[in-house]
Amino acid sequence: MKVKDLLFLTSTFIVLSSCSKSENEDVYIPIIESYTNVEATFGSSVNLNSLANYANQAIPGYITKDNTAGNPITNKGATLGRVLFYDKNLSSNNTISCASCHKQADAFSDISVTSTGVNGATGRHSMRLINTRFAVERKFFWDERAATLEIQTTQPIQNHAEMGFSGTNGDQSITDLTVKLGAIGYYKKLFKFVYGDEQVTEVRIQTALAQFIRSIQSFDSKYDIGRTLAASDAQPFTNFTAQENQGKNLFLTPPVFDATGNRTSGGFGCAGCHAAPEFDIDPNTRNNGIIGNISGIGIDITNTRAPSLRDIVKIDGTTNGPMMHTGVFTSLQTVIGHYGNINIATGNTNLDTRLMPNGFGQQLNVTATEVNATIAFIKTLSGTNVYVDSKWSSPF
C-alpha cells in the first residue's frame, strides 16, 4: 500500500519526498522530510499571512537621501532579515547573533567598548545602525572596508573572533553556515517564501539582512517635529527651547578662525561633516583626530566612517554606549571637548582638513553655555519608536 497523503503533526509539516521499496514487494516505506512550522517557532511575532510594514514606512519629505538602489526593501525580505539578525545559529557555537552586538535597546549599538564574540572581543566598538538607508556614505565599518551594506552583513559572520565562520584557525566556512541554515526547518520555509525555493546562499543572506537593517529608521524626534513645521533648518523651530535653537545654530553655523586656528566668531560647524537633516557622515570625511593604537602596527588613522548622530542618546539623555570607533568617550561633553581643542598628533597624515584651519588644530574656544546648548540640540535628534517597535525586535 502506498502512502499518498501529507501527514500533519502538532507543529511540523511532514512532506513525503519519495518512497523506497522494502524487501516485501507489497509494502512501500515513505522517506519523509520535516519542515518546522514558522508560526509554531515564532508564534505571533512572524505571521507570513500578515507581514509587518518594512517597505512602505512614512519618510519625511525633507529626507532626500536613499541608498537602497539594487536591493529595495520588501516586507518578505526584511522579515527573513529580522530572523537572521536575531538568530544565534549564525555563529559557530550558537551563542552570538547580529543583535548581540547591535541591541535594539541601545539604538542597535552596544554599551560595551568592544563586544564579545565566539572567540574573544571584537576589534572595534559596534556602530549604531540607525537610518543607514539615509546616508550618502554607502561604505561600512569604521575604516570603510566594506563597499556596501550587503557586503558588510556577512563579514562579522566570517570573522574568527566575532561569529566564527572564518574558514581559518580551524573554523568552518560561510559555505558550512549556508548548509547549516539550509537544514533548519523554518529557513526552508522562509527562503522559499522570499526567493521561491529553499536554497540558502551568502548573497541571499546578505540581501535579506541589508533590507532589515535599512528598514530601521527613526523620524519621530523633537527635531523632526520642529523641522516639519519649519521651511528650513536655518529657521528657529517653534517647538524648541531657546537653548535648543541656540544649539542648532551652533551645530549648523561654520566657525570663523583667525590665522592660527582660533575661533573668533560663528558656530561649531558640526554640520560640515554631519549635515542636517539626515545627520549622516560626509563620505569625504577623513580622520577626526581619534587615532588609537593597533598592536604591532602603531597609530590607527584609517577610521573615517561614523553612524548618524540620530539617537546617539536615549530620550532620557543617557548615551547609547561609548562614542567613537575606540569607545573612548562616554559623554557628549567630552566629544565636544575633543573637537574644541584639536591637537595634530605626530604621524596623523590623514586628519580632516576641516579640523585644521590654516594648518593649525582648531581651537573652538567653547563656553559652558555653548556646550550645554549644543548637547540640548543633539538630544532633540532622538526618537522613541526605534527602541520599542516590535518589527525590529527579536522574533524568537
Protein backbone atom coordinates (compact mmCIF):
# COMPACT_ATOMS: atom_id res chain seq x y z
CA MET A 1 0.00 0.00 0.00
CA LYS A 2 1.44 3.42 -0.99
CA VAL A 3 1.18 6.46 1.22
CA LYS A 4 -0.22 9.41 -0.72
CA ASP A 5 -1.40 11.93 1.82
CA LEU A 6 0.56 14.51 3.78
CA LEU A 7 0.71 13.77 7.49
CA PHE A 8 0.38 16.71 9.82
CA LEU A 9 1.83 16.69 13.31
CA THR A 10 1.37 19.29 16.04
CA SER A 11 3.94 21.82 14.90
CA THR A 12 5.59 20.12 11.97
CA PHE A 13 4.69 19.67 8.36
CA ILE A 14 5.70 16.22 7.13
CA VAL A 15 6.37 16.11 3.44
CA LEU A 16 6.66 12.81 1.62
CA SER A 17 9.52 13.45 -0.74
CA SER A 18 9.98 9.94 -2.13
CA CYS A 19 9.32 6.28 -1.40
CA SER A 20 11.69 3.33 -1.24
CA LYS A 21 10.59 -0.22 -1.84
CA SER A 22 11.10 -2.64 1.07
CA GLU A 23 12.06 -6.27 0.87
CA ASN A 24 8.36 -7.02 0.93
CA GLU A 25 7.29 -6.17 -2.60
CA ASP A 26 3.83 -5.17 -1.40
CA VAL A 27 4.99 -2.57 1.18
CA TYR A 28 6.45 0.87 0.45
CA ILE A 29 8.15 2.85 3.20
CA PRO A 30 7.91 6.66 2.78
CA ILE A 31 11.06 8.76 3.10
CA ILE A 32 9.97 11.95 4.84
CA GLU A 33 11.40 15.43 5.32
CA SER A 34 10.38 17.53 8.30
CA TYR A 35 9.61 21.26 7.98
CA THR A 36 9.26 23.26 11.16
CA ASN A 37 6.14 25.40 11.05
CA VAL A 38 7.22 29.08 11.10
CA GLU A 39 4.20 30.10 13.13
CA ALA A 40 4.89 27.37 15.69
CA THR A 41 8.51 28.52 16.02
CA PHE A 42 7.91 32.25 16.27
CA GLY A 43 4.33 32.46 17.48
CA SER A 44 2.57 35.69 16.52
CA SER A 45 5.84 37.59 16.05
CA VAL A 46 6.18 36.30 12.48
CA ASN A 47 2.93 35.97 10.56
CA LEU A 48 3.57 35.19 6.92
CA ASN A 49 -0.05 35.99 6.11
CA SER A 50 0.20 39.46 7.67
CA LEU A 51 3.71 40.85 7.34
CA ALA A 52 4.97 43.88 9.21
CA ASN A 53 5.38 47.05 7.17
CA TYR A 54 9.02 47.45 6.27
CA ALA A 55 8.71 48.55 2.64
CA ASN A 56 6.32 51.48 2.89
CA GLN A 57 7.15 53.29 6.10
CA ALA A 58 6.50 57.02 6.26
CA ILE A 59 9.56 59.11 5.42
CA PRO A 60 9.58 62.90 5.94
CA GLY A 61 9.58 64.95 2.76
CA TYR A 62 12.76 66.77 3.77
CA ILE A 63 14.72 63.48 3.78
CA THR A 64 16.18 63.11 0.30
CA LYS A 65 18.93 60.52 0.65
CA ASP A 66 18.22 56.87 -0.11
CA ASN A 67 20.86 54.21 -0.81
CA THR A 68 18.62 51.19 -1.41
CA ALA A 69 19.49 51.04 -5.12
CA GLY A 70 19.69 47.44 -6.32
CA ASN A 71 18.14 45.99 -3.17
CA PRO A 72 14.84 47.72 -2.36
CA ILE A 73 13.24 46.85 0.96
CA THR A 74 10.45 44.28 0.74
CA ASN A 75 8.25 43.04 3.57
CA LYS A 76 9.22 39.45 2.78
CA GLY A 77 12.95 40.08 2.56
CA ALA A 78 13.09 42.22 5.70
CA THR A 79 11.10 39.60 7.62
CA LEU A 80 13.70 36.98 6.73
CA GLY A 81 16.42 39.52 7.57
CA ARG A 82 14.90 40.06 11.00
CA VAL A 83 15.03 36.33 11.77
CA LEU A 84 18.63 36.11 10.54
CA PHE A 85 19.61 39.22 12.53
CA TYR A 86 18.45 37.68 15.81
CA ASP A 87 19.37 34.05 15.16
CA LYS A 88 22.33 32.71 17.15
CA ASN A 89 22.59 29.85 14.68
CA LEU A 90 24.58 32.29 12.53
CA SER A 91 27.52 31.85 14.90
CA SER A 92 29.72 28.79 15.04
CA ASN A 93 28.73 27.82 18.59
CA ASN A 94 25.14 29.13 18.52
CA THR A 95 25.78 31.81 21.15
CA ILE A 96 26.10 35.06 19.16
CA SER A 97 23.75 36.82 16.76
CA CYS A 98 23.98 40.19 14.99
CA ALA A 99 21.70 41.51 17.74
CA SER A 100 24.24 40.50 20.39
CA CYS A 101 26.36 43.49 19.33
CA HIS A 102 23.57 45.67 17.90
CA LYS A 103 20.88 45.84 20.57
CA GLN A 104 17.53 47.49 19.93
CA ALA A 105 17.51 48.92 23.47
CA ASP A 106 20.75 50.78 22.64
CA ALA A 107 19.76 52.09 19.18
CA PHE A 108 21.22 48.92 17.66
CA SER A 109 24.62 49.53 19.20
CA ASP A 110 26.45 48.11 22.21
CA ILE A 111 27.08 49.78 25.55
CA SER A 112 30.41 47.93 25.84
CA VAL A 113 33.60 49.39 24.37
CA THR A 114 34.11 46.14 22.49
CA SER A 115 31.57 43.39 22.06
CA THR A 116 32.05 39.74 22.95
CA GLY A 117 32.25 37.23 20.10
CA VAL A 118 32.59 33.46 19.97
CA ASN A 119 36.38 33.66 20.25
CA GLY A 120 37.01 36.81 22.23
CA ALA A 121 36.41 40.53 21.88
CA THR A 122 35.62 42.36 18.68
CA GLY A 123 38.22 44.75 17.33
CA ARG A 124 36.11 47.90 17.42
CA HIS A 125 33.12 49.42 19.17
CA SER A 126 29.87 48.32 17.47
CA MET A 127 28.45 51.07 15.26
CA ARG A 128 24.83 52.18 15.67
CA LEU A 129 22.54 51.02 12.88
CA ILE A 130 20.05 53.89 12.84
CA ASN A 131 18.97 55.29 9.45
CA THR A 132 21.69 53.52 7.49
CA ARG A 133 19.41 53.81 4.45
CA PHE A 134 19.51 57.60 4.55
CA ALA A 135 23.18 58.34 4.06
CA VAL A 136 25.38 59.43 1.20
CA GLU A 137 28.18 57.23 2.54
CA ARG A 138 27.50 53.68 1.35
CA LYS A 139 30.65 52.08 2.69
CA PHE A 140 30.61 50.30 6.04
CA PHE A 141 32.79 49.59 9.06
CA TRP A 142 34.71 52.38 10.73
CA ASP A 143 37.50 52.03 8.16
CA GLU A 144 35.04 51.70 5.23
CA ARG A 145 36.45 48.34 4.15
CA ALA A 146 33.03 47.06 3.04
CA ALA A 147 31.89 48.74 -0.18
CA THR A 148 28.20 48.17 0.59
CA LEU A 149 25.91 47.23 3.46
CA GLU A 150 25.26 43.91 1.72
CA ILE A 151 28.95 43.02 1.84
CA GLN A 152 29.20 44.21 5.43
CA THR A 153 26.44 41.94 6.74
CA THR A 154 28.35 38.68 6.39
CA GLN A 155 31.83 39.90 7.32
CA PRO A 156 31.19 39.64 11.08
CA ILE A 157 29.90 36.12 10.43
CA GLN A 158 33.19 35.33 8.70
CA ASN A 159 35.31 36.86 11.44
CA HIS A 160 37.09 34.37 13.70
CA ALA A 161 36.59 36.40 16.87
CA GLU A 162 33.04 37.58 16.22
CA MET A 163 30.87 34.77 14.83
CA GLY A 164 33.42 32.16 13.86
CA PHE A 165 32.73 31.07 10.28
CA SER A 166 36.06 32.41 9.02
CA GLY A 167 37.29 29.29 7.25
CA THR A 168 40.60 29.82 9.07
CA ASN A 169 42.01 28.92 12.50
CA GLY A 170 40.10 25.67 12.41
CA ASP A 171 36.77 27.46 11.78
CA GLN A 172 34.13 26.26 9.41
CA SER A 173 33.45 28.47 6.37
CA ILE A 174 30.50 30.53 5.19
CA THR A 175 29.57 27.60 2.97
CA ASP A 176 29.23 25.45 6.07
CA LEU A 177 26.91 28.08 7.50
CA THR A 178 24.65 28.00 4.45
CA VAL A 179 24.43 24.22 4.77
CA LYS A 180 23.68 24.57 8.48
CA LEU A 181 20.88 27.09 7.91
CA GLY A 182 19.52 25.09 4.99
CA ALA A 183 18.89 22.17 7.32
CA ILE A 184 16.79 24.26 9.71
CA GLY A 185 13.08 23.88 9.13
CA TYR A 186 11.98 27.50 9.45
CA TYR A 187 14.65 28.62 7.00
CA LYS A 188 13.43 26.09 4.45
CA LYS A 189 10.05 27.75 4.56
CA LEU A 190 11.30 31.34 4.86
CA PHE A 191 13.80 31.16 1.99
CA LYS A 192 11.16 29.58 -0.23
CA PHE A 193 8.69 32.25 0.87
CA VAL A 194 11.11 35.03 -0.07
CA TYR A 195 13.06 33.63 -3.01
CA GLY A 196 10.82 30.92 -4.45
CA ASP A 197 13.00 28.00 -3.39
CA GLU A 198 14.77 26.74 -0.28
CA GLN A 199 18.35 27.38 -1.37
CA VAL A 200 20.41 29.26 1.23
CA THR A 201 23.29 31.30 -0.20
CA GLU A 202 25.52 34.02 1.13
CA VAL A 203 24.08 36.54 -1.35
CA ARG A 204 20.55 35.78 -0.20
CA ILE A 205 21.58 36.16 3.44
CA GLN A 206 23.23 39.49 2.61
CA THR A 207 20.21 40.74 0.68
CA ALA A 208 17.73 39.94 3.46
CA LEU A 209 19.91 41.27 6.30
CA ALA A 210 20.56 44.52 4.41
CA GLN A 211 16.84 45.02 3.81
CA PHE A 212 16.09 44.57 7.50
CA ILE A 213 18.90 46.89 8.62
CA ARG A 214 17.90 49.60 6.12
CA SER A 215 14.34 49.39 7.41
CA ILE A 216 15.45 50.53 10.89
CA GLN A 217 14.54 54.21 10.80
CA SER A 218 13.99 56.97 13.33
CA PHE A 219 11.97 60.07 12.41
CA ASP A 220 9.82 60.71 15.47
CA SER A 221 12.18 63.03 17.34
CA LYS A 222 11.60 66.54 18.66
CA TYR A 223 13.86 67.70 15.83
CA ASP A 224 11.58 66.07 13.24
CA ILE A 225 8.51 67.73 14.71
CA GLY A 226 10.24 71.09 14.51
CA ARG A 227 11.63 70.50 11.03
CA THR A 228 8.18 69.60 9.72
CA LEU A 229 6.88 72.98 10.89
CA ALA A 230 9.82 74.97 9.51
CA ALA A 231 10.73 75.92 5.95
CA SER A 232 14.38 75.07 6.58
CA ASP A 233 16.81 74.10 9.29
CA ALA A 234 18.04 77.67 9.44
CA GLN A 235 14.76 78.95 10.86
CA PRO A 236 14.09 78.83 14.61
CA PHE A 237 11.99 75.77 15.45
CA THR A 238 8.79 76.78 17.21
CA ASN A 239 8.77 73.64 19.39
CA PHE A 240 12.37 74.19 20.56
CA THR A 241 13.52 75.97 23.68
CA ALA A 242 15.78 78.97 23.28
CA GLN A 243 18.69 76.77 24.35
CA GLU A 244 17.88 74.10 21.75
CA ASN A 245 17.62 76.70 18.99
CA GLN A 246 20.96 78.16 20.10
CA GLY A 247 22.49 74.68 19.95
CA LYS A 248 21.03 74.14 16.48
CA ASN A 249 22.62 77.36 15.26
CA LEU A 250 25.98 76.42 16.77
CA PHE A 251 25.75 72.97 15.14
CA LEU A 252 24.86 74.35 11.70
CA THR A 253 26.93 77.54 11.52
CA PRO A 254 30.56 77.27 10.34
CA PRO A 255 33.18 78.78 12.65
CA VAL A 256 35.35 81.72 11.68
CA PHE A 257 39.05 81.28 12.51
CA ASP A 258 42.00 83.55 12.79
CA ALA A 259 45.36 82.83 11.19
CA THR A 260 46.37 80.35 13.91
CA GLY A 261 43.17 78.28 14.05
CA ASN A 262 41.39 80.07 16.89
CA ARG A 263 37.65 80.55 16.52
CA THR A 264 36.75 84.21 16.64
CA SER A 265 33.06 84.03 15.70
CA GLY A 266 30.46 81.74 14.17
CA GLY A 267 29.36 78.36 15.43
CA PHE A 268 30.94 74.95 15.86
CA GLY A 269 30.38 73.79 12.27
CA CYS A 270 29.36 70.23 13.19
CA ALA A 271 27.14 70.10 10.08
CA GLY A 272 30.26 70.31 7.92
CA CYS A 273 30.67 66.58 8.49
CA HIS A 274 27.19 65.66 9.86
CA ALA A 275 24.79 67.52 7.59
CA ALA A 276 21.16 68.03 8.52
CA PRO A 277 18.53 66.66 8.21
CA GLU A 278 19.97 63.16 7.98
CA PHE A 279 22.97 63.89 10.23
CA ASP A 280 24.95 61.16 8.47
CA ILE A 281 28.67 61.33 7.77
CA ASP A 282 30.16 63.11 4.78
CA PRO A 283 31.81 60.42 2.58
CA ASN A 284 34.82 62.69 2.09
CA THR A 285 35.50 62.95 5.81
CA ARG A 286 38.96 61.89 6.89
CA ASN A 287 40.33 61.04 10.34
CA ASN A 288 38.76 63.01 13.21
CA GLY A 289 41.79 63.08 15.47
CA ILE A 290 41.00 59.83 17.29
CA ILE A 291 43.90 57.64 16.24
CA GLY A 292 44.05 54.92 18.90
CA ASN A 293 46.76 52.34 18.53
CA ILE A 294 46.93 48.91 16.91
CA SER A 295 49.32 46.41 18.42
CA GLY A 296 52.20 45.74 16.04
CA ILE A 297 51.08 48.46 13.63
CA GLY A 298 51.09 51.73 15.54
CA ILE A 299 48.62 54.59 15.35
CA ASP A 300 45.33 53.95 13.57
CA ILE A 301 44.47 56.80 11.21
CA THR A 302 42.25 54.97 8.71
CA ASN A 303 38.92 55.15 10.58
CA THR A 304 36.78 57.76 8.82
CA ARG A 305 33.23 56.32 8.96
CA ALA A 306 30.65 57.25 11.60
CA PRO A 307 26.98 56.47 12.19
CA SER A 308 24.20 59.02 12.01
CA LEU A 309 24.01 61.31 15.03
CA ARG A 310 20.36 60.43 15.40
CA ASP A 311 19.67 58.52 18.61
CA ILE A 312 23.22 58.95 19.85
CA VAL A 313 21.47 59.34 23.18
CA LYS A 314 18.23 57.88 24.51
CA ILE A 315 15.27 60.12 25.15
CA ASP A 316 16.33 60.37 28.81
CA GLY A 317 19.71 61.76 27.73
CA THR A 318 21.82 58.70 28.56
CA THR A 319 24.19 57.65 25.81
CA ASN A 320 23.75 54.57 23.67
CA GLY A 321 27.16 53.28 24.63
CA PRO A 322 30.59 54.90 24.33
CA MET A 323 31.37 57.04 21.31
CA MET A 324 33.99 56.96 18.55
CA HIS A 325 35.35 53.76 17.00
CA THR A 326 37.53 53.22 20.05
CA GLY A 327 34.69 53.86 22.50
CA VAL A 328 37.00 56.38 24.16
CA PHE A 329 34.29 58.95 25.05
CA THR A 330 31.31 58.30 27.29
CA SER A 331 29.65 61.72 27.29
CA LEU A 332 28.73 64.38 24.75
CA GLN A 333 30.72 66.88 26.80
CA THR A 334 33.94 65.01 26.13
CA VAL A 335 33.10 64.65 22.44
CA ILE A 336 32.58 68.39 22.06
CA GLY A 337 35.69 68.98 24.14
CA HIS A 338 37.70 66.85 21.71
CA TYR A 339 36.56 68.87 18.69
CA GLY A 340 37.01 72.10 20.62
CA ASN A 341 40.72 71.51 21.02
CA ILE A 342 42.29 69.51 18.18
CA ASN A 343 45.89 68.51 18.60
CA ILE A 344 47.61 67.39 15.43
CA ALA A 345 49.30 64.19 16.54
CA THR A 346 52.66 63.26 15.09
CA GLY A 347 52.13 60.79 12.26
CA ASN A 348 48.46 61.62 11.68
CA THR A 349 48.71 62.30 7.97
CA ASN A 350 45.01 61.69 7.43
CA LEU A 351 43.47 64.32 9.73
CA ASP A 352 40.46 66.00 8.14
CA THR A 353 41.44 69.42 6.80
CA ARG A 354 38.26 70.92 8.27
CA LEU A 355 39.76 70.32 11.70
CA MET A 356 42.98 72.20 11.00
CA PRO A 357 42.20 75.68 9.68
CA ASN A 358 45.25 77.40 8.27
CA GLY A 359 47.24 74.30 9.14
CA PHE A 360 46.58 74.51 12.88
CA GLY A 361 44.45 72.19 15.00
CA GLN A 362 41.17 74.03 15.53
CA GLN A 363 40.56 75.82 18.83
CA LEU A 364 36.83 76.49 19.12
CA ASN A 365 37.20 78.24 22.48
CA VAL A 366 33.88 76.81 23.61
CA THR A 367 31.96 78.16 26.57
CA ALA A 368 29.90 76.13 29.01
CA THR A 369 26.75 77.82 27.71
CA GLU A 370 27.58 76.84 24.13
CA VAL A 371 28.41 73.26 25.09
CA ASN A 372 25.17 72.85 27.01
CA ALA A 373 23.17 74.33 24.14
CA THR A 374 24.76 72.01 21.59
CA ILE A 375 24.10 69.00 23.78
CA ALA A 376 20.49 70.11 24.21
CA PHE A 377 20.14 70.22 20.42
CA ILE A 378 21.75 66.82 19.86
CA LYS A 379 19.28 65.34 22.34
CA THR A 380 16.41 66.53 20.12
CA LEU A 381 17.61 64.08 17.44
CA SER A 382 16.42 61.09 19.49
CA GLY A 383 13.09 59.40 18.95
CA THR A 384 11.27 56.71 20.89
CA ASN A 385 9.75 54.24 18.43
CA VAL A 386 13.00 52.65 17.29
CA TYR A 387 13.55 51.25 20.79
CA VAL A 388 10.17 49.54 21.09
CA ASP A 389 8.76 48.76 17.65
CA SER A 390 8.13 45.00 17.52
CA LYS A 391 9.03 44.69 13.84
CA TRP A 392 12.64 45.38 14.79
CA SER A 393 12.59 43.20 17.90
CA SER A 394 13.59 39.58 18.34
CA PRO A 395 11.13 37.15 16.76
CA PHE A 396 12.39 34.29 18.95
